[in-house]
Amino acid sequence: MLKINLLPVRKLKKRAKAKKQLFGMLFLFLLALGIIAAAGFWQLQNIKNLNASIARLEKERDSYTPTLKKIAKINKDRKEFNRRS
């Protein structure tokens, strides 16, 4: 007597495999998206730190401006003095 299998085993296996692949691709996509988001966040933090450092250095540079002006005036006076002598 012949046995007829009415359950579509091959179809079920193909669906399970397709489902597994779909979830795997979705996981990889989300993982890549997470890595990109983390890299973006890291870059934003670096930008903020560098901008703060630039602001601090510009403030420090501005604090030296009066001294630099005095040095320039002294050099100018010295050149004038040497020219007259």
PDB file of N, CA and C in Angstrom:
ATOM      1  N   MET A   1       0.839  -1.163   0.000  1.00  0.00           N
ATOM      2  CA  MET A   1       0.000   0.000   0.000  1.00  0.00           C
ATOM      3  C   MET A   1       0.892   1.236   0.000  1.00  0.00           C
ATOM      4  N   LEU A   2       0.472   2.229  -0.730  1.00  0.00           N
ATOM      5  CA  LEU A   2       1.205   3.487  -0.839  1.00  0.00           C
ATOM      6  C   LEU A   2       0.797   4.429   0.278  1.00  0.00           C
ATOM      7  N   LYS A   3       1.822   5.111   0.781  1.00  0.00           N
ATOM      8  CA  LYS A   3       1.522   6.125   1.784  1.00  0.00           C
ATOM      9  C   LYS A   3       1.664   7.500   1.122  1.00  0.00           C
ATOM     10  N   ILE A   4       0.702   8.319   1.338  1.00  0.00           N
ATOM     11  CA  ILE A   4       0.733   9.673   0.792  1.00  0.00           C
ATOM     12  C   ILE A   4       0.887  10.639   1.957  1.00  0.00           C
ATOM     13  N   ASN A   5       1.946  11.432   1.848  1.00  0.00           N
ATOM     14  CA  ASN A   5       2.200  12.420   2.878  1.00  0.00           C
ATOM     15  C   ASN A   5       1.494  13.716   2.479  1.00  0.00           C
ATOM     16  N   LEU A   6       0.512  14.099   3.246  1.00  0.00           N
ATOM     17  CA  LEU A   6      -0.251  15.286   2.913  1.00  0.00           C
ATOM     18  C   LEU A   6       0.366  16.568   3.470  1.00  0.00           C
ATOM     19  N   LEU A   7       1.338  16.447   4.301  1.00  0.00           N
ATOM     20  CA  LEU A   7       1.985  17.633   4.859  1.00  0.00           C
ATOM     21  C   LEU A   7       3.080  18.125   3.906  1.00  0.00           C
ATOM     22  N   PRO A   8       3.049  19.373   3.565  1.00  0.00           N
ATOM     23  CA  PRO A   8       4.063  19.919   2.653  1.00  0.00           C
ATOM     24  C   PRO A   8       5.367  20.214   3.414  1.00  0.00           C
ATOM     25  N   VAL A   9       6.117  19.173   3.680  1.00  0.00           N
ATOM     26  CA  VAL A   9       7.327  19.293   4.494  1.00  0.00           C
ATOM     27  C   VAL A   9       8.356  20.189   3.818  1.00  0.00           C
ATOM     28  N   ARG A  10       8.515  20.015   2.522  1.00  0.00           N
ATOM     29  CA  ARG A  10       9.508  20.826   1.810  1.00  0.00           C
ATOM     30  C   ARG A  10       9.160  22.306   1.864  1.00  0.00           C
ATOM     31  N   LYS A  11       7.876  22.601   1.699  1.00  0.00           N
ATOM     32  CA  LYS A  11       7.442  24.000   1.766  1.00  0.00           C
ATOM     33  C   LYS A  11       7.684  24.564   3.162  1.00  0.00           C
ATOM     34  N   LEU A  12       7.386  23.777   4.170  1.00  0.00           N
ATOM     35  CA  LEU A  12       7.592  24.236   5.541  1.00  0.00           C
ATOM     36  C   LEU A  12       9.077  24.484   5.816  1.00  0.00           C
ATOM     37  N   LYS A  13       9.936  23.597   5.301  1.00  0.00           N
ATOM     38  CA  LYS A  13      11.377  23.779   5.494  1.00  0.00           C
ATOM     39  C   LYS A  13      11.865  25.019   4.749  1.00  0.00           C
ATOM     40  N   LYS A  14      11.362  25.239   3.535  1.00  0.00           N
ATOM     41  CA  LYS A  14      11.753  26.419   2.769  1.00  0.00           C
ATOM     42  C   LYS A  14      11.303  27.700   3.468  1.00  0.00           C
ATOM     43  N   ARG A  15      10.080  27.684   3.989  1.00  0.00           N
ATOM     44  CA  ARG A  15       9.577  28.852   4.718  1.00  0.00           C
ATOM     45  C   ARG A  15      10.399  29.120   5.971  1.00  0.00           C
ATOM     46  N   ALA A  16      10.724  28.075   6.690  1.00  0.00           N
ATOM     47  CA  ALA A  16      11.525  28.228   7.904  1.00  0.00           C
ATOM     48  C   ALA A  16      12.904  28.782   7.557  1.00  0.00           C
ATOM     49  N   LYS A  17      13.483  28.264   6.480  1.00  0.00           N
ATOM     50  CA  LYS A  17      14.803  28.740   6.055  1.00  0.00           C
ATOM     51  C   LYS A  17      14.720  30.205   5.620  1.00  0.00           C
ATOM     52  N   ALA A  18      13.677  30.555   4.871  1.00  0.00           N
ATOM     53  CA  ALA A  18      13.504  31.934   4.418  1.00  0.00           C
ATOM     54  C   ALA A  18      13.295  32.870   5.610  1.00  0.00           C
ATOM     55  N   LYS A  19      12.524  32.402   6.572  1.00  0.00           N
ATOM     56  CA  LYS A  19      12.262  33.199   7.771  1.00  0.00           C
ATOM     57  C   LYS A  19      13.556  33.426   8.550  1.00  0.00           C
ATOM     58  N   LYS A  20      14.346  32.367   8.661  1.00  0.00           N
ATOM     59  CA  LYS A  20      15.617  32.445   9.367  1.00  0.00           C
ATOM     60  C   LYS A  20      16.554  33.434   8.666  1.00  0.00           C
ATOM     61  N   GLN A  21      16.597  33.371   7.345  1.00  0.00           N
ATOM     62  CA  GLN A  21      17.447  34.284   6.582  1.00  0.00           C
ATOM     63  C   GLN A  21      16.962  35.724   6.709  1.00  0.00           C
ATOM     64  N   LEU A  22      15.652  35.891   6.699  1.00  0.00           N
ATOM     65  CA  LEU A  22      15.085  37.233   6.838  1.00  0.00           C
ATOM     66  C   LEU A  22      15.449  37.835   8.193  1.00  0.00           C
ATOM     67  N   PHE A  23      15.297  37.057   9.254  1.00  0.00           N
ATOM     68  CA  PHE A  23      15.655  37.563  10.582  1.00  0.00           C
ATOM     69  C   PHE A  23      17.161  37.804  10.701  1.00  0.00           C
ATOM     70  N   GLY A  24      17.949  36.959  10.048  1.00  0.00           N
ATOM     71  CA  GLY A  24      19.402  37.167  10.045  1.00  0.00           C
ATOM     72  C   GLY A  24      19.769  38.464   9.353  1.00  0.00           C
ATOM     73  N   MET A  25      19.174  38.739   8.213  1.00  0.00           N
ATOM     74  CA  MET A  25      19.436  39.982   7.487  1.00  0.00           C
ATOM     75  C   MET A  25      18.960  41.188   8.286  1.00  0.00           C
ATOM     76  N   LEU A  26      17.810  41.071   8.908  1.00  0.00           N
ATOM     77  CA  LEU A  26      17.286  42.151   9.739  1.00  0.00           C
ATOM     78  C   LEU A  26      18.223  42.417  10.908  1.00  0.00           C
ATOM     79  N   PHE A  27      18.726  41.362  11.514  1.00  0.00           N
ATOM     80  CA  PHE A  27      19.670  41.509  12.624  1.00  0.00           C
ATOM     81  C   PHE A  27      20.943  42.207  12.151  1.00  0.00           C
ATOM     82  N   LEU A  28      21.485  41.788  11.008  1.00  0.00           N
ATOM     83  CA  LEU A  28      22.693  42.417  10.478  1.00  0.00           C
ATOM     84  C   LEU A  28      22.461  43.884  10.135  1.00  0.00           C
ATOM     85  N   PHE A  29      21.297  44.172   9.573  1.00  0.00           N
ATOM     86  CA  PHE A  29      20.955  45.563   9.254  1.00  0.00           C
ATOM     87  C   PHE A  29      20.900  46.410  10.516  1.00  0.00           C
ATOM     88  N   LEU A  30      20.222  45.905  11.538  1.00  0.00           N
ATOM     89  CA  LEU A  30      20.120  46.642  12.792  1.00  0.00           C
ATOM     90  C   LEU A  30      21.481  46.782  13.473  1.00  0.00           C
ATOM     91  N   LEU A  31      22.297  45.757  13.375  1.00  0.00           N
ATOM     92  CA  LEU A  31      23.644  45.818  13.929  1.00  0.00           C
ATOM     93  C   LEU A  31      24.466  46.890  13.216  1.00  0.00           C
ATOM     94  N   ALA A  32      24.408  46.920  11.896  1.00  0.00           N
ATOM     95  CA  ALA A  32      25.131  47.934  11.121  1.00  0.00           C
ATOM     96  C   ALA A  32      24.609  49.327  11.461  1.00  0.00           C
ATOM     97  N   LEU A  33      23.309  49.448  11.587  1.00  0.00           N
ATOM     98  CA  LEU A  33      22.706  50.730  11.946  1.00  0.00           C
ATOM     99  C   LEU A  33      23.172  51.172  13.331  1.00  0.00           C
ATOM    100  N   GLY A  34      23.244  50.242  14.259  1.00  0.00           N
ATOM    101  CA  GLY A  34      23.725  50.558  15.604  1.00  0.00           C
ATOM    102  C   GLY A  34      25.184  50.983  15.597  1.00  0.00           C
ATOM    103  N   ILE A  35      25.999  50.317  14.797  1.00  0.00           N
ATOM    104  CA  ILE A  35      27.418  50.683  14.715  1.00  0.00           C
ATOM    105  C   ILE A  35      27.570  52.079  14.121  1.00  0.00           C
ATOM    106  N   ILE A  36      26.791  52.367  13.093  1.00  0.00           N
ATOM    107  CA  ILE A  36      26.846  53.694  12.478  1.00  0.00           C
ATOM    108  C   ILE A  36      26.391  54.760  13.474  1.00  0.00           C
ATOM    109  N   ALA A  37      25.333  54.473  14.231  1.00  0.00           N
ATOM    110  CA  ALA A  37      24.846  55.426  15.226  1.00  0.00           C
ATOM    111  C   ALA A  37      25.894  55.649  16.315  1.00  0.00           C
ATOM    112  N   ALA A  38      26.545  54.595  16.756  1.00  0.00           N
ATOM    113  CA  ALA A  38      27.588  54.729  17.780  1.00  0.00           C
ATOM    114  C   ALA A  38      28.759  55.548  17.257  1.00  0.00           C
ATOM    115  N   ALA A  39      29.158  55.311  16.015  1.00  0.00           N
ATOM    116  CA  ALA A  39      30.257  56.077  15.422  1.00  0.00           C
ATOM    117  C   ALA A  39      29.869  57.550  15.288  1.00  0.00           C
ATOM    118  N   GLY A  40      28.631  57.808  14.905  1.00  0.00           N
ATOM    119  CA  GLY A  40      28.145  59.191  14.809  1.00  0.00           C
ATOM    120  C   GLY A  40      28.156  59.878  16.162  1.00  0.00           C
ATOM    121  N   PHE A  41      27.708  59.185  17.184  1.00  0.00           N
ATOM    122  CA  PHE A  41      27.706  59.752  18.537  1.00  0.00           C
ATOM    123  C   PHE A  41      29.128  60.044  18.982  1.00  0.00           C
ATOM    124  N   TRP A  42      30.051  59.121  18.707  1.00  0.00           N
ATOM    125  CA  TRP A  42      31.455  59.310  19.077  1.00  0.00           C
ATOM    126  C   TRP A  42      32.034  60.531  18.362  1.00  0.00           C
ATOM    127  N   GLN A  43      31.696  60.696  17.087  1.00  0.00           N
ATOM    128  CA  GLN A  43      32.185  61.845  16.328  1.00  0.00           C
ATOM    129  C   GLN A  43      31.610  63.146  16.881  1.00  0.00           C
ATOM    130  N   LEU A  44      30.347  63.146  17.262  1.00  0.00           N
ATOM    131  CA  LEU A  44      29.749  64.349  17.852  1.00  0.00           C
ATOM    132  C   LEU A  44      30.454  64.728  19.155  1.00  0.00           C
ATOM    133  N   GLN A  45      30.783  63.730  19.958  1.00  0.00           N
ATOM    134  CA  GLN A  45      31.500  64.008  21.203  1.00  0.00           C
ATOM    135  C   GLN A  45      32.880  64.588  20.913  1.00  0.00           C
ATOM    136  N   ASN A  46      33.563  64.052  19.917  1.00  0.00           N
ATOM    137  CA  ASN A  46      34.870  64.585  19.536  1.00  0.00           C
ATOM    138  C   ASN A  46      34.758  66.024  19.059  1.00  0.00           C
ATOM    139  N   ILE A  47      33.729  66.312  18.274  1.00  0.00           N
ATOM    140  CA  ILE A  47      33.522  67.669  17.768  1.00  0.00           C
ATOM    141  C   ILE A  47      33.273  68.625  18.922  1.00  0.00           C
ATOM    142  N   LYS A  48      32.436  68.227  19.876  1.00  0.00           N
ATOM    143  CA  LYS A  48      32.159  69.081  21.032  1.00  0.00           C
ATOM    144  C   LYS A  48      33.430  69.347  21.832  1.00  0.00           C
ATOM    145  N   ASN A  49      34.219  68.293  22.056  1.00  0.00           N
ATOM    146  CA  ASN A  49      35.467  68.467  22.809  1.00  0.00           C
ATOM    147  C   ASN A  49      36.441  69.374  22.078  1.00  0.00           C
ATOM    148  N   LEU A  50      36.550  69.199  20.762  1.00  0.00           N
ATOM    149  CA  LEU A  50      37.460  70.043  19.992  1.00  0.00           C
ATOM    150  C   LEU A  50      36.992  71.494  19.964  1.00  0.00           C
ATOM    151  N   ASN A  51      35.695  71.722  19.848  1.00  0.00           N
ATOM    152  CA  ASN A  51      35.174  73.093  19.876  1.00  0.00           C
ATOM    153  C   ASN A  51      35.430  73.747  21.228  1.00  0.00           C
ATOM    154  N   ALA A  52      35.273  72.985  22.299  1.00  0.00           N
ATOM    155  CA  ALA A  52      35.553  73.523  23.635  1.00  0.00           C
ATOM    156  C   ALA A  52      37.041  73.843  23.767  1.00  0.00           C
ATOM    157  N   SER A  53      37.882  72.987  23.240  1.00  0.00           N
ATOM    158  CA  SER A  53      39.322  73.217  23.288  1.00  0.00           C
ATOM    159  C   SER A  53      39.697  74.453  22.476  1.00  0.00           C
ATOM    160  N   ILE A  54      39.096  74.621  21.312  1.00  0.00           N
ATOM    161  CA  ILE A  54      39.354  75.798  20.479  1.00  0.00           C
ATOM    162  C   ILE A  54      38.938  77.061  21.215  1.00  0.00           C
ATOM    163  N   ALA A  55      37.771  77.043  21.836  1.00  0.00           N
ATOM    164  CA  ALA A  55      37.295  78.220  22.572  1.00  0.00           C
ATOM    165  C   ALA A  55      38.244  78.560  23.720  1.00  0.00           C
ATOM    166  N   ARG A  56      38.715  77.529  24.419  1.00  0.00           N
ATOM    167  CA  ARG A  56      39.629  77.760  25.530  1.00  0.00           C
ATOM    168  C   ARG A  56      40.946  78.346  25.038  1.00  0.00           C
ATOM    169  N   LEU A  57      41.468  77.804  23.936  1.00  0.00           N
ATOM    170  CA  LEU A  57      42.731  78.298  23.388  1.00  0.00           C
ATOM    171  C   LEU A  57      42.600  79.711  22.831  1.00  0.00           C
ATOM    172  N   GLU A  58      41.461  80.022  22.224  1.00  0.00           N
ATOM    173  CA  GLU A  58      41.248  81.388  21.733  1.00  0.00           C
ATOM    174  C   GLU A  58      41.172  82.379  22.893  1.00  0.00           C
ATOM    175  N   LYS A  59      40.543  81.965  23.975  1.00  0.00           N
ATOM    176  CA  LYS A  59      40.470  82.833  25.160  1.00  0.00           C
ATOM    177  C   LYS A  59      41.871  83.057  25.725  1.00  0.00           C
ATOM    178  N   GLU A  60      42.663  81.996  25.771  1.00  0.00           N
ATOM    179  CA  GLU A  60      44.037  82.115  26.262  1.00  0.00           C
ATOM    180  C   GLU A  60      44.864  83.014  25.329  1.00  0.00           C
ATOM    181  N   ARG A  61      44.674  82.861  24.024  1.00  0.00           N
ATOM    182  CA  ARG A  61      45.378  83.697  23.048  1.00  0.00           C
ATOM    183  C   ARG A  61      44.999  85.164  23.236  1.00  0.00           C
ATOM    184  N   ASP A  62      43.715  85.419  23.460  1.00  0.00           N
ATOM    185  CA  ASP A  62      43.266  86.795  23.665  1.00  0.00           C
ATOM    186  C   ASP A  62      43.846  87.394  24.940  1.00  0.00           C
ATOM    187  N   SER A  63      44.121  86.549  25.918  1.00  0.00           N
ATOM    188  CA  SER A  63      44.713  87.074  27.156  1.00  0.00           C
ATOM    189  C   SER A  63      46.158  87.522  26.930  1.00  0.00           C
ATOM    190  N   TYR A  64      46.807  87.004  25.886  1.00  0.00           N
ATOM    191  CA  TYR A  64      48.184  87.394  25.578  1.00  0.00           C
ATOM    192  C   TYR A  64      48.258  88.617  24.673  1.00  0.00           C
ATOM    193  N   THR A  65      47.162  89.086  24.155  1.00  0.00           N
ATOM    194  CA  THR A  65      47.161  90.201  23.213  1.00  0.00           C
ATOM    195  C   THR A  65      47.805  91.459  23.788  1.00  0.00           C
ATOM    196  N   PRO A  66      47.470  91.890  25.015  1.00  0.00           N
ATOM    197  CA  PRO A  66      48.130  93.096  25.543  1.00  0.00           C
ATOM    198  C   PRO A  66      49.656  92.944  25.640  1.00  0.00           C
ATOM    199  N   THR A  67      50.115  91.783  26.041  1.00  0.00           N
ATOM    200  CA  THR A  67      51.555  91.541  26.149  1.00  0.00           C
ATOM    201  C   THR A  67      52.205  91.602  24.763  1.00  0.00           C
ATOM    202  N   LEU A  68      51.556  91.024  23.777  1.00  0.00           N
ATOM    203  CA  LEU A  68      52.086  91.059  22.418  1.00  0.00           C
ATOM    204  C   LEU A  68      52.129  92.483  21.873  1.00  0.00           C
ATOM    205  N   LYS A  69      51.142  93.274  22.217  1.00  0.00           N
ATOM    206  CA  LYS A  69      51.139  94.674  21.792  1.00  0.00           C
ATOM    207  C   LYS A  69      52.296  95.432  22.438  1.00  0.00           C
ATOM    208  N   LYS A  70      52.550  95.159  23.710  1.00  0.00           N
ATOM    209  CA  LYS A  70      53.677  95.805  24.391  1.00  0.00           C
ATOM    210  C   LYS A  70      54.995  95.409  23.742  1.00  0.00           C
ATOM    211  N   ILE A  71      55.142  94.133  23.417  1.00  0.00           N
ATOM    212  CA  ILE A  71      56.365  93.652  22.780  1.00  0.00           C
ATOM    213  C   ILE A  71      56.548  94.318  21.416  1.00  0.00           C
ATOM    214  N   ALA A  72      55.471  94.433  20.662  1.00  0.00           N
ATOM    215  CA  ALA A  72      55.543  95.072  19.348  1.00  0.00           C
ATOM    216  C   ALA A  72      55.938  96.542  19.495  1.00  0.00           C
ATOM    217  N   LYS A  73      55.381  97.220  20.494  1.00  0.00           N
ATOM    218  CA  LYS A  73      55.714  98.633  20.727  1.00  0.00           C
ATOM    219  C   LYS A  73      57.173  98.772  21.126  1.00  0.00           C
ATOM    220  N   ILE A  74      57.656  97.893  21.997  1.00  0.00           N
ATOM    221  CA  ILE A  74      59.054  97.938  22.426  1.00  0.00           C
ATOM    222  C   ILE A  74      59.983  97.700  21.233  1.00  0.00           C
ATOM    223  N   ASN A  75      59.655  96.728  20.384  1.00  0.00           N
ATOM    224  CA  ASN A  75      60.464  96.466  19.184  1.00  0.00           C
ATOM    225  C   ASN A  75      60.469  97.673  18.251  1.00  0.00           C
ATOM    226  N   LYS A  76      59.311  98.292  18.096  1.00  0.00           N
ATOM    227  CA  LYS A  76      59.213  99.482  17.248  1.00  0.00           C
ATOM    228  C   LYS A  76      60.059 100.608  17.816  1.00  0.00           C
ATOM    229  N   ASP A  77      59.974 100.823  19.135  1.00  0.00           N
ATOM    230  CA  ASP A  77      60.771 101.871  19.781  1.00  0.00           C
ATOM    231  C   ASP A  77      62.265 101.568  19.664  1.00  0.00           C
ATOM    232  N   ARG A  78      62.636 100.312  19.787  1.00  0.00           N
ATOM    233  CA  ARG A  78      64.051  99.933  19.690  1.00  0.00           C
ATOM    234  C   ARG A  78      64.576 100.193  18.275  1.00  0.00           C
ATOM    235  N   LYS A  79      63.780  99.830  17.278  1.00  0.00           N
ATOM    236  CA  LYS A  79      64.191 100.093  15.896  1.00  0.00           C
ATOM    237  C   LYS A  79      64.323 101.594  15.653  1.00  0.00           C
ATOM    238  N   GLU A  80      63.398 102.367  16.184  1.00  0.00           N
ATOM    239  CA  GLU A  80      63.444 103.829  16.031  1.00  0.00           C
ATOM    240  C   GLU A  80      64.695 104.375  16.731  1.00  0.00           C
ATOM    241  N   PHE A  81      64.969 103.859  17.903  1.00  0.00           N
ATOM    242  CA  PHE A  81      66.152 104.294  18.649  1.00  0.00           C
ATOM    243  C   PHE A  81      67.428 103.942  17.880  1.00  0.00           C
ATOM    244  N   ASN A  82      67.495 102.702  17.356  1.00  0.00           N
ATOM    245  CA  ASN A  82      68.676 102.292  16.588  1.00  0.00           C
ATOM    246  C   ASN A  82      68.829 103.103  15.296  1.00  0.00           C
ATOM    247  N   ARG A  83      67.740 103.507  14.704  1.00  0.00           N
ATOM    248  CA  ARG A  83      67.793 104.299  13.491  1.00  0.00           C
ATOM    249  C   ARG A  83      68.338 105.684  13.787  1.00  0.00           C
ATOM    250  N   ARG A  84      67.955 106.237  14.932  1.00  0.00           N
ATOM    251  CA  ARG A  84      68.411 107.589  15.291  1.00  0.00           C
ATOM    252  C   ARG A  84      69.875 107.608  15.747  1.00  0.00           C
ATOM    253  N   SER A  85      70.359 106.488  16.290  1.00  0.00           N
ATOM    254  CA  SER A  85      71.716 106.517  16.816  1.00  0.00           C
ATOM    255  C   SER A  85      72.769 106.355  15.754  1.00  0.00           C
TER     256      SER A  85
END
